[in-house]
């Protein structure tokens, strides 16, 4: 079974093929906790609620797949180690239709992932219909070409999700106990928004929706009150579509060049007494976080947002890269929380030869950055697929699966994870699940490539980046 249940006790006998299946709710169980009792004449499924019962059903379905008609009598008691077990799909770089998203969601639900981090806005595209600001989907959803890596096309790329499609995805996720966590990245990664509303930038000059990968200099202006009014209005509209507890506001890869040259931003810094633009970014994120908190939502930010040292402790930090000057630890010292998504163990857009299935499974849930906080500060983990270099649903699925399943077990089992070898043996038995849900997963021979194949894959992946691109990214990263 995947994830492996916390407790399994086998008993004598086998369940009859016509054994009746009964379900019951038990409010005394913890959230998402469930029980299964298989006896010769009856199979009892017990859940803490709707989601707990769903998890009991998925585990029973996996047991039937493993044992067939000879289902042994047993007791199963299971609950997650971490409450936040997320998967991320980037639909800003390349748009994927709702039918494909539903396949990915249903497959993720099978392995008890419970958050869908939906990346719907970036430099290269805005993906949701907006009644409040229609130029977002009219202009920001379409770019003039595709120059990601070594792929060059002058064919316009576009697509956005209608409001009814967004509700459809949210409702579909709800059937399986999955909360949708939308992300509107800010103050950086906003070129597509600024293409539609350039007055929100520092210079107010026209820009095009991004057509390449990398880090962009364009930012929301942190000195103009119009910027915050726009964001608040946009959030109000989006909060109607996304009723979940969490809302991601980005905060990563925001070079400060534009802010240093902006009189509005410099005026803001002087008025607030900030020493540098990092503190200005903390101020920016805090204003958006405060607005979300006033609406009963919990903001999430990428870990660069803590580098000013003034981020509100109520903002959850998503740890994906290095901790500069122990700022993440300092945030946790104040009582902040973290979600772990370290690149080497969680990013599935890299080939298996760079981030193998085993690498994903071996995520350290107590990294150095957490100091002595450990599990007390960790909500859970997230596995991610970015799509700069992914243009088809087949590639999306092969790169995600079965790596998403490995992350699901890490988040569910935590320190009690039985180990990669045990996991991979169970995965082989359950591999037909992917075909059942129409997912084209990477074959077993691809999970952990040998040294030669890994080197070949890494070399091919690096061909996506010219030396000029690398130099520009290095320069901009120094300014983040």
Protein backbone atom coordinates (compact mmCIF):
# COMPACT_ATOMS: atom_id res chain seq x y z
CA UNK A 1 0.00 0.00 0.00
CA UNK A 2 1.05 3.56 -0.68
CA UNK A 3 1.52 5.34 1.61
CA UNK A 4 2.32 2.52 3.99
CA UNK A 5 -0.21 2.52 6.88
CA UNK A 6 0.99 3.24 10.38
CA UNK A 7 -0.28 -0.06 11.84
CA UNK A 8 -1.29 -3.34 10.18
CA UNK A 9 -2.27 -6.41 12.22
CA UNK A 10 -2.98 -9.58 10.27
CA UNK A 11 -5.51 -12.08 11.62
CA UNK A 12 -6.52 -15.61 10.70
CA UNK A 13 -8.75 -16.20 7.70
CA UNK A 14 -9.76 -14.42 4.52
CA UNK A 15 -12.63 -12.15 3.59
CA UNK A 16 -15.34 -13.76 1.52
CA UNK A 17 -15.68 -12.39 -1.99
CA UNK A 18 -19.19 -11.20 -1.14
CA UNK A 19 -18.23 -9.77 2.26
CA UNK A 20 -20.30 -6.65 2.81
CA UNK A 21 -18.54 -3.32 3.17
CA UNK A 22 -19.86 -0.94 5.82
CA UNK A 23 -18.79 2.59 6.65
CA UNK A 24 -19.02 4.65 9.81
CA UNK A 25 -17.85 8.01 11.11
CA UNK A 26 -15.93 8.33 14.35
CA UNK A 27 -15.47 11.96 15.47
CA UNK A 28 -13.00 10.82 18.13
CA UNK A 29 -10.43 10.07 15.44
CA UNK A 30 -8.01 12.79 14.40
CA UNK A 31 -8.48 14.66 11.14
CA UNK A 32 -7.76 12.36 8.15
CA UNK A 33 -7.35 9.35 10.46
CA UNK A 34 -9.06 6.09 9.46
CA UNK A 35 -9.46 2.43 10.41
CA UNK A 36 -10.10 -0.73 8.42
CA UNK A 37 -11.22 -4.04 9.91
CA UNK A 38 -11.44 -6.96 7.51
CA UNK A 39 -13.30 -10.01 8.80
CA UNK A 40 -14.59 -13.07 6.88
CA UNK A 41 -18.13 -11.73 6.44
CA UNK A 42 -17.74 -7.98 6.87
CA UNK A 43 -15.31 -5.16 6.04
CA UNK A 44 -15.72 -2.12 8.26
CA UNK A 45 -14.30 1.24 7.19
CA UNK A 46 -14.11 3.96 9.84
CA UNK A 47 -13.10 7.54 9.22
CA UNK A 48 -12.85 10.76 11.18
CA UNK A 49 -14.89 12.42 8.46
CA UNK A 50 -15.50 12.41 4.72
CA UNK A 51 -11.79 12.50 3.91
CA UNK A 52 -10.91 9.78 6.41
CA UNK A 53 -13.49 7.49 4.84
CA UNK A 54 -12.13 8.27 1.38
CA UNK A 55 -8.64 7.31 2.53
CA UNK A 56 -10.01 4.07 3.97
CA UNK A 57 -11.59 3.27 0.60
CA UNK A 58 -8.39 3.98 -1.35
CA UNK A 59 -6.41 1.74 1.01
CA UNK A 60 -8.98 -1.03 0.65
CA UNK A 61 -8.84 -0.70 -3.15
CA UNK A 62 -5.05 -1.05 -3.02
CA UNK A 63 -5.36 -4.11 -0.78
CA UNK A 64 -7.69 -5.72 -3.31
CA UNK A 65 -5.19 -4.97 -6.07
CA UNK A 66 -2.40 -6.64 -4.08
CA UNK A 67 -4.29 -9.68 -2.77
CA UNK A 68 -7.03 -10.19 -5.33
CA UNK A 69 -9.74 -12.63 -4.22
CA UNK A 70 -7.66 -13.83 -1.25
CA UNK A 71 -7.99 -10.70 0.89
CA UNK A 72 -6.59 -11.59 4.32
CA UNK A 73 -8.33 -10.58 7.51
CA UNK A 74 -6.57 -7.67 9.19
CA UNK A 75 -6.85 -4.46 11.14
CA UNK A 76 -5.43 -1.24 9.75
CA UNK A 77 -4.99 1.93 11.81
CA UNK A 78 -3.58 4.92 9.98
CA UNK A 79 -3.09 8.67 10.24
CA UNK A 80 -0.71 11.21 8.67
CA UNK A 81 2.48 12.43 10.27
CA UNK A 82 2.04 15.85 8.62
CA UNK A 83 -1.13 17.78 7.90
CA UNK A 84 0.22 19.56 4.79
CA UNK A 85 1.01 17.18 1.90
CA UNK A 86 0.99 19.16 -1.28
CA UNK A 87 1.59 18.82 -5.01
CA UNK A 88 2.27 21.79 -7.28
CA UNK A 89 1.55 22.24 -10.98
CA UNK A 90 2.81 25.26 -12.89
CA UNK A 91 0.15 26.30 -15.41
CA UNK A 92 1.62 29.77 -16.00
CA UNK A 93 4.55 28.72 -18.18
CA UNK A 94 2.45 26.25 -20.13
CA UNK A 95 -1.32 25.94 -19.92
CA UNK A 96 -2.86 22.53 -19.26
CA UNK A 97 -6.62 21.93 -19.76
CA UNK A 98 -8.90 21.02 -16.89
CA UNK A 99 -9.22 17.40 -18.00
CA UNK A 100 -5.48 16.91 -17.58
CA UNK A 101 -5.50 18.66 -14.22
CA UNK A 102 -8.27 16.35 -13.06
CA UNK A 103 -6.20 13.30 -13.97
CA UNK A 104 -3.29 14.64 -11.95
CA UNK A 105 -5.57 15.52 -9.04
CA UNK A 106 -7.27 12.11 -8.95
CA UNK A 107 -3.92 10.32 -9.06
CA UNK A 108 -2.62 12.50 -6.25
CA UNK A 109 -5.69 11.75 -4.17
CA UNK A 110 -4.98 8.02 -4.50
CA UNK A 111 -1.77 8.56 -2.53
CA UNK A 112 -3.41 10.87 0.05
CA UNK A 113 -1.91 14.19 -1.02
CA UNK A 114 -4.22 16.89 0.32
CA UNK A 115 -3.17 20.25 -1.18
CA UNK A 116 -3.04 21.33 -4.82
CA UNK A 117 -0.72 24.33 -5.16
CA UNK A 118 -1.97 25.85 -8.41
CA UNK A 119 0.61 28.20 -9.95
CA UNK A 120 -1.59 30.44 -12.07
CA UNK A 121 0.46 33.60 -12.56
CA UNK A 122 4.05 34.32 -13.56
CA UNK A 123 6.14 36.36 -15.96
CA UNK A 124 5.03 34.18 -18.86
CA UNK A 125 1.28 34.11 -18.31
CA UNK A 126 -1.80 34.91 -16.25
CA UNK A 127 -4.29 32.03 -16.30
CA UNK A 128 -7.63 33.00 -14.70
CA UNK A 129 -10.55 34.98 -16.09
CA UNK A 130 -10.99 38.21 -14.16
CA UNK A 131 -14.15 40.28 -14.12
CA UNK A 132 -12.47 42.93 -12.01
CA UNK A 133 -9.42 43.33 -14.26
CA UNK A 134 -10.28 41.73 -17.64
CA UNK A 135 -7.04 42.78 -19.33
CA UNK A 136 -5.32 40.16 -17.16
CA UNK A 137 -6.77 37.33 -19.25
CA UNK A 138 -7.19 39.35 -22.43
CA UNK A 139 -3.54 40.48 -22.54
CA UNK A 140 -1.64 38.72 -19.75
CA UNK A 141 -2.74 35.22 -20.77
CA UNK A 142 -1.11 35.38 -24.23
CA UNK A 143 2.57 35.67 -25.10
CA UNK A 144 4.04 36.22 -28.53
CA UNK A 145 6.17 33.07 -28.66
CA UNK A 146 7.96 30.35 -26.76
CA UNK A 147 11.71 30.65 -26.18
CA UNK A 148 12.16 28.33 -23.23
CA UNK A 149 15.58 26.73 -23.37
CA UNK A 150 16.56 25.34 -26.74
CA UNK A 151 12.97 25.41 -28.01
CA UNK A 152 12.17 28.42 -30.20
CA UNK A 153 8.74 29.22 -31.60
CA UNK A 154 7.07 32.39 -32.80
CA UNK A 155 3.66 30.77 -32.41
CA UNK A 156 1.63 32.68 -29.81
CA UNK A 157 1.03 30.73 -26.59
CA UNK A 158 -1.99 31.28 -24.42
CA UNK A 159 -4.94 29.97 -22.51
CA UNK A 160 -6.77 30.75 -19.31
CA UNK A 161 -9.30 29.09 -17.04
CA UNK A 162 -12.83 30.49 -17.06
CA UNK A 163 -14.34 31.18 -13.68
CA UNK A 164 -16.66 28.21 -13.97
CA UNK A 165 -13.67 25.99 -14.77
CA UNK A 166 -11.90 27.21 -11.64
CA UNK A 167 -14.95 26.36 -9.55
CA UNK A 168 -15.10 22.98 -11.26
CA UNK A 169 -11.49 22.22 -10.26
CA UNK A 170 -12.05 23.43 -6.69
CA UNK A 171 -15.18 21.27 -6.36
CA UNK A 172 -13.45 18.28 -7.92
CA UNK A 173 -10.56 18.57 -5.45
CA UNK A 174 -13.05 18.81 -2.61
CA UNK A 175 -14.44 15.37 -3.46
CA UNK A 176 -11.08 13.88 -2.45
CA UNK A 177 -10.21 16.03 0.55
CA UNK A 178 -7.85 18.26 -1.45
CA UNK A 179 -7.66 22.01 -0.85
CA UNK A 180 -6.62 24.23 -3.74
CA UNK A 181 -3.88 26.70 -2.80
CA UNK A 182 -3.67 29.34 -5.55
CA UNK A 183 -0.49 31.30 -6.08
CA UNK A 184 -0.27 34.86 -7.34
CA UNK A 185 3.46 35.55 -7.23
CA UNK A 186 4.53 39.03 -6.10
CA UNK A 187 6.30 41.44 -6.01
CA UNK A 188 8.36 39.69 -8.71
CA UNK A 189 7.31 37.26 -11.44
CA UNK A 190 4.62 39.77 -12.45
CA UNK A 191 5.60 40.62 -16.04
CA UNK A 192 2.34 39.17 -17.42
CA UNK A 193 0.30 41.30 -15.00
CA UNK A 194 2.31 44.41 -15.85
CA UNK A 195 1.85 43.76 -19.57
CA UNK A 196 -1.86 44.26 -18.87
CA UNK A 197 -1.52 47.03 -16.26
CA UNK A 198 1.89 48.72 -16.72
CA UNK A 199 0.97 51.57 -14.38
CA UNK A 200 1.55 49.19 -11.45
CA UNK A 201 5.29 49.00 -12.17
CA UNK A 202 7.86 51.51 -11.00
CA UNK A 203 8.42 53.12 -14.41
CA UNK A 204 4.89 52.58 -15.73
CA UNK A 205 6.27 51.67 -19.16
CA UNK A 206 4.79 49.00 -21.45
CA UNK A 207 6.25 45.47 -21.22
CA UNK A 208 5.52 42.24 -23.05
CA UNK A 209 4.44 38.98 -21.47
CA UNK A 210 7.62 36.96 -20.94
CA UNK A 211 8.59 34.50 -23.64
CA UNK A 212 11.62 32.86 -21.99
CA UNK A 213 12.64 31.25 -18.73
CA UNK A 214 14.73 33.01 -16.11
CA UNK A 215 14.47 35.84 -13.62
CA UNK A 216 12.85 39.11 -14.69
CA UNK A 217 13.59 42.58 -13.34
CA UNK A 218 10.01 43.85 -13.47
CA UNK A 219 8.33 44.20 -10.05
CA UNK A 220 5.18 45.64 -8.62
CA UNK A 221 5.94 49.14 -7.38
CA UNK A 222 6.04 49.03 -3.58
CA UNK A 223 5.77 52.82 -3.29
CA UNK A 224 2.47 53.38 -5.07
CA UNK A 225 -0.73 52.95 -3.08
CA UNK A 226 -2.44 52.07 -6.36
CA UNK A 227 -0.46 48.82 -6.34
CA UNK A 228 -1.95 47.67 -3.06
CA UNK A 229 -5.46 48.76 -4.03
CA UNK A 230 -5.16 46.67 -7.20
CA UNK A 231 -3.90 43.62 -5.33
CA UNK A 232 -6.60 43.88 -2.65
CA UNK A 233 -9.34 44.09 -5.26
CA UNK A 234 -7.86 41.17 -7.16
CA UNK A 235 -7.59 39.09 -3.99
CA UNK A 236 -11.22 39.80 -3.14
CA UNK A 237 -12.21 38.38 -6.51
CA UNK A 238 -9.97 35.33 -6.18
CA UNK A 239 -10.99 34.55 -2.61
CA UNK A 240 -14.53 34.03 -3.91
CA UNK A 241 -13.20 31.34 -6.25
CA UNK A 242 -10.79 29.74 -3.80
CA UNK A 243 -12.41 29.16 -0.40
CA UNK A 244 -9.46 27.26 1.11
CA UNK A 245 -7.45 28.10 4.19
CA UNK A 246 -4.14 28.94 2.46
CA UNK A 247 -3.20 31.47 -0.23
CA UNK A 248 0.30 31.67 -1.74
CA UNK A 249 1.67 35.13 -2.54
CA UNK A 250 5.10 34.17 -3.88
CA UNK A 251 7.93 36.46 -2.81
CA UNK A 252 10.78 34.70 -4.62
CA UNK A 253 13.32 35.89 -7.19
CA UNK A 254 12.63 39.62 -6.94
CA UNK A 255 15.75 41.58 -8.01
CA UNK A 256 15.74 45.05 -6.49
CA UNK A 257 17.15 47.06 -9.43
CA UNK A 258 13.82 48.68 -10.28
CA UNK A 259 13.10 49.58 -6.66
CA UNK A 260 16.50 51.21 -6.18
CA UNK A 261 15.84 53.50 -9.15
CA UNK A 262 12.20 54.24 -8.24
CA UNK A 263 11.42 57.52 -6.44
CA UNK A 264 8.16 56.09 -5.09
CA UNK A 265 9.89 53.08 -3.56
CA UNK A 266 12.73 55.16 -2.17
CA UNK A 267 10.23 57.57 -0.64
CA UNK A 268 8.45 54.63 0.97
CA UNK A 269 11.71 53.31 2.39
CA UNK A 270 12.59 56.70 3.89
CA UNK A 271 9.13 57.10 5.43
CA UNK A 272 9.23 53.63 6.96
CA UNK A 273 12.86 53.87 8.08
CA UNK A 274 14.04 50.86 6.07
CA UNK A 275 17.76 50.29 5.64
CA UNK A 276 17.53 48.31 2.39
CA UNK A 277 15.21 46.96 -0.28
CA UNK A 278 15.02 43.57 1.44
CA UNK A 279 13.15 45.25 4.27
CA UNK A 280 10.92 46.91 1.67
CA UNK A 281 10.04 43.48 0.31
CA UNK A 282 9.17 42.33 3.83
CA UNK A 283 6.90 45.38 4.14
CA UNK A 284 5.28 44.60 0.78
CA UNK A 285 4.62 40.96 1.72
CA UNK A 286 3.37 41.96 5.17
CA UNK A 287 0.76 44.29 3.73
CA UNK A 288 -0.60 41.54 1.50
CA UNK A 289 -0.32 38.96 4.28
CA UNK A 290 -2.18 41.25 6.68
CA UNK A 291 -5.00 41.65 4.18
CA UNK A 292 -5.31 37.90 3.74
CA UNK A 293 -5.22 37.33 7.49
CA UNK A 294 -8.05 39.87 7.87
CA UNK A 295 -10.07 37.67 5.49
CA UNK A 296 -9.38 34.56 7.55
CA UNK A 297 -6.73 33.15 5.23
CA UNK A 298 -3.15 32.05 5.94
CA UNK A 299 -0.51 33.48 3.56
CA UNK A 300 2.37 31.38 2.24
CA UNK A 301 5.59 32.85 0.82
CA UNK A 302 8.73 31.47 -0.76
CA UNK A 303 11.71 31.67 1.58
CA UNK A 304 13.33 34.74 -0.04
CA UNK A 305 10.55 36.81 1.52
CA UNK A 306 12.16 36.38 4.95
CA UNK A 307 15.50 37.91 3.96
CA UNK A 308 14.55 41.38 5.18
CA UNK A 309 14.14 40.01 8.69
CA UNK A 310 10.76 41.69 9.15
CA UNK A 311 8.26 39.17 7.75
CA UNK A 312 5.11 38.64 9.83
CA UNK A 313 5.42 35.37 11.75
CA UNK A 314 1.92 34.38 10.65
CA UNK A 315 3.18 33.93 7.08
CA UNK A 316 4.14 30.33 6.33
CA UNK A 317 7.54 30.04 4.66
CA UNK A 318 8.00 27.54 1.83
CA UNK A 319 11.62 26.45 1.99
CA UNK A 320 13.05 25.69 -1.45
CA UNK A 321 16.57 27.18 -1.48
CA UNK A 322 19.37 28.14 0.86
CA UNK A 323 18.84 30.03 4.09
CA UNK A 324 20.73 33.34 3.90
CA UNK A 325 22.15 34.40 7.27
CA UNK A 326 19.83 32.00 9.15
CA UNK A 327 16.84 34.16 8.35
CA UNK A 328 14.49 31.18 8.01
CA UNK A 329 15.59 29.91 11.40
CA UNK A 330 14.99 33.40 12.82
CA UNK A 331 11.47 33.37 11.36
CA UNK A 332 10.80 30.02 13.02
CA UNK A 333 12.29 31.33 16.27
CA UNK A 334 9.47 33.90 16.24
CA UNK A 335 6.90 31.10 15.99
CA UNK A 336 6.65 30.86 12.21
CA UNK A 337 5.86 27.68 10.29
CA UNK A 338 7.45 26.07 7.23
CA UNK A 339 6.60 23.82 4.31
CA UNK A 340 9.54 21.86 2.90
CA UNK A 341 10.13 21.72 -0.85
CA UNK A 342 13.92 21.59 -1.20
CA UNK A 343 14.92 21.64 -4.88
CA UNK A 344 17.08 18.50 -4.86
CA UNK A 345 14.31 16.38 -3.33
CA UNK A 346 11.10 17.99 -4.52
CA UNK A 347 11.50 19.51 -8.02
CA UNK A 348 10.28 17.09 -10.67
CA UNK A 349 10.97 19.21 -13.74
CA UNK A 350 14.57 17.99 -13.56
CA UNK A 351 15.26 14.62 -15.25
CA UNK A 352 15.39 11.51 -13.09
CA UNK A 353 19.14 11.43 -13.60
CA UNK A 354 19.39 14.67 -11.60
CA UNK A 355 16.53 14.20 -9.10
CA UNK A 356 15.85 10.47 -8.94
CA UNK A 357 12.85 8.79 -7.38
CA UNK A 358 15.14 7.83 -4.50
CA UNK A 359 16.19 11.46 -4.04
CA UNK A 360 12.54 12.49 -3.70
CA UNK A 361 11.94 9.77 -1.13
CA UNK A 362 14.96 10.79 0.93
CA UNK A 363 13.82 14.34 1.69
CA UNK A 364 15.14 15.36 5.10
CA UNK A 365 12.13 16.52 7.11
CA UNK A 366 14.40 18.16 9.71
CA UNK A 367 16.91 20.20 7.68
CA UNK A 368 19.65 22.37 9.13
CA UNK A 369 17.67 25.54 8.44
CA UNK A 370 15.10 24.61 11.08
CA UNK A 371 17.62 24.68 13.90
CA UNK A 372 16.21 22.92 16.94
CA UNK A 373 12.57 23.38 15.96
CA UNK A 374 12.15 20.15 14.01
CA UNK A 375 8.64 18.86 13.48
CA UNK A 376 7.10 21.58 15.68
CA UNK A 377 7.68 24.11 12.91
CA UNK A 378 7.03 21.90 9.87
CA UNK A 379 3.50 21.75 8.48
CA UNK A 380 4.57 19.25 5.84
CA UNK A 381 6.05 19.02 2.39
CA UNK A 382 5.33 19.77 -1.25
CA UNK A 383 6.42 18.14 -4.49
CA UNK A 384 6.57 20.44 -7.53
CA UNK A 385 6.51 20.34 -11.30
CA UNK A 386 7.54 23.53 -13.12
CA UNK A 387 6.75 23.64 -16.82
CA UNK A 388 9.23 25.92 -18.58
CA UNK A 389 10.45 22.88 -20.50
CA UNK A 390 7.26 20.79 -20.33
CA UNK A 391 4.79 21.33 -23.14
CA UNK A 392 2.76 18.11 -23.31
CA UNK A 393 0.59 16.21 -20.86
CA UNK A 394 2.62 13.04 -21.49
CA UNK A 395 5.83 14.73 -20.36
CA UNK A 396 4.00 16.31 -17.43
CA UNK A 397 2.84 12.90 -16.25
CA UNK A 398 6.11 11.06 -16.81
CA UNK A 399 8.10 13.69 -14.94
CA UNK A 400 5.61 13.81 -12.05
CA UNK A 401 4.88 10.12 -11.59
CA UNK A 402 5.89 8.20 -9.59
CA UNK A 403 7.91 10.97 -7.92
CA UNK A 404 4.71 12.54 -6.55
CA UNK A 405 3.94 9.17 -4.92
CA UNK A 406 7.32 9.15 -3.16
CA UNK A 407 6.68 12.61 -1.72
CA UNK A 408 3.21 11.51 -0.64
CA UNK A 409 4.66 8.69 1.48
CA UNK A 410 7.29 10.98 3.02
CA UNK A 411 4.60 13.46 4.08
CA UNK A 412 2.24 10.77 5.32
CA UNK A 413 4.75 8.58 7.19
CA UNK A 414 7.29 11.19 8.28
CA UNK A 415 10.09 9.74 10.40
CA UNK A 416 8.36 6.35 10.25
CA UNK A 417 8.89 6.08 6.49
CA UNK A 418 9.97 2.46 5.89
CA UNK A 419 12.75 3.35 3.44
CA UNK A 420 13.21 3.60 -0.29
CA UNK A 421 13.76 -0.11 -0.99
CA UNK A 422 10.56 -1.05 0.79
CA UNK A 423 8.72 1.77 -0.97
CA UNK A 424 9.96 0.80 -4.44
CA UNK A 425 8.89 -2.85 -3.96
CA UNK A 426 5.37 -1.77 -3.04
CA UNK A 427 5.33 0.72 -5.92
CA UNK A 428 6.13 -2.03 -8.41
CA UNK A 429 3.13 -4.05 -7.23
CA UNK A 430 0.82 -1.03 -7.42
CA UNK A 431 2.19 0.34 -10.69
CA UNK A 432 -1.02 -0.67 -12.57
CA UNK A 433 -2.77 2.10 -10.60
CA UNK A 434 -1.31 4.65 -13.01
CA UNK A 435 -2.95 2.97 -15.99
CA UNK A 436 -6.21 2.75 -14.03
CA UNK A 437 -6.32 6.53 -13.79
CA UNK A 438 -4.97 7.18 -17.28
CA UNK A 439 -1.56 8.39 -16.14
CA UNK A 440 1.55 7.68 -18.17
CA UNK A 441 4.18 7.23 -15.45
CA UNK A 442 7.92 6.75 -15.90
CA UNK A 443 8.85 3.07 -16.08
CA UNK A 444 10.84 1.29 -13.38
CA UNK A 445 14.04 1.42 -15.41
CA UNK A 446 13.90 5.23 -15.28
CA UNK A 447 13.43 5.73 -11.53
CA UNK A 448 17.11 5.72 -10.52
CA UNK A 449 19.30 5.96 -13.66
CA UNK A 450 22.83 4.59 -13.61
CA UNK A 451 25.77 6.97 -13.62
CA UNK A 452 26.17 7.10 -17.41
CA UNK A 453 22.49 7.69 -18.11
CA UNK A 454 22.29 10.27 -15.32
CA UNK A 455 25.20 12.19 -16.84
CA UNK A 456 23.57 12.04 -20.27
CA UNK A 457 20.27 13.37 -18.92
CA UNK A 458 21.99 16.14 -16.97
CA UNK A 459 23.95 17.23 -20.05
CA UNK A 460 20.80 17.32 -22.16
CA UNK A 461 18.97 19.35 -19.50
CA UNK A 462 21.83 21.87 -19.26
CA UNK A 463 21.50 22.52 -23.00
CA UNK A 464 18.40 24.56 -22.13
CA UNK A 465 20.63 27.30 -20.70
CA UNK A 466 23.08 29.37 -22.70
CA UNK A 467 26.11 30.87 -20.97
CA UNK A 468 24.53 34.30 -21.41
CA UNK A 469 21.38 33.09 -19.66
CA UNK A 470 23.41 31.63 -16.81
CA UNK A 471 25.37 34.83 -16.34
CA UNK A 472 22.22 36.95 -16.27
CA UNK A 473 20.59 34.66 -13.71
CA UNK A 474 23.73 34.75 -11.54
CA UNK A 475 23.75 38.54 -11.68
CA UNK A 476 20.09 38.87 -10.80
CA UNK A 477 20.29 36.29 -8.03
CA UNK A 478 22.90 38.41 -6.29
CA UNK A 479 20.32 41.19 -6.18
CA UNK A 480 17.52 39.09 -4.65
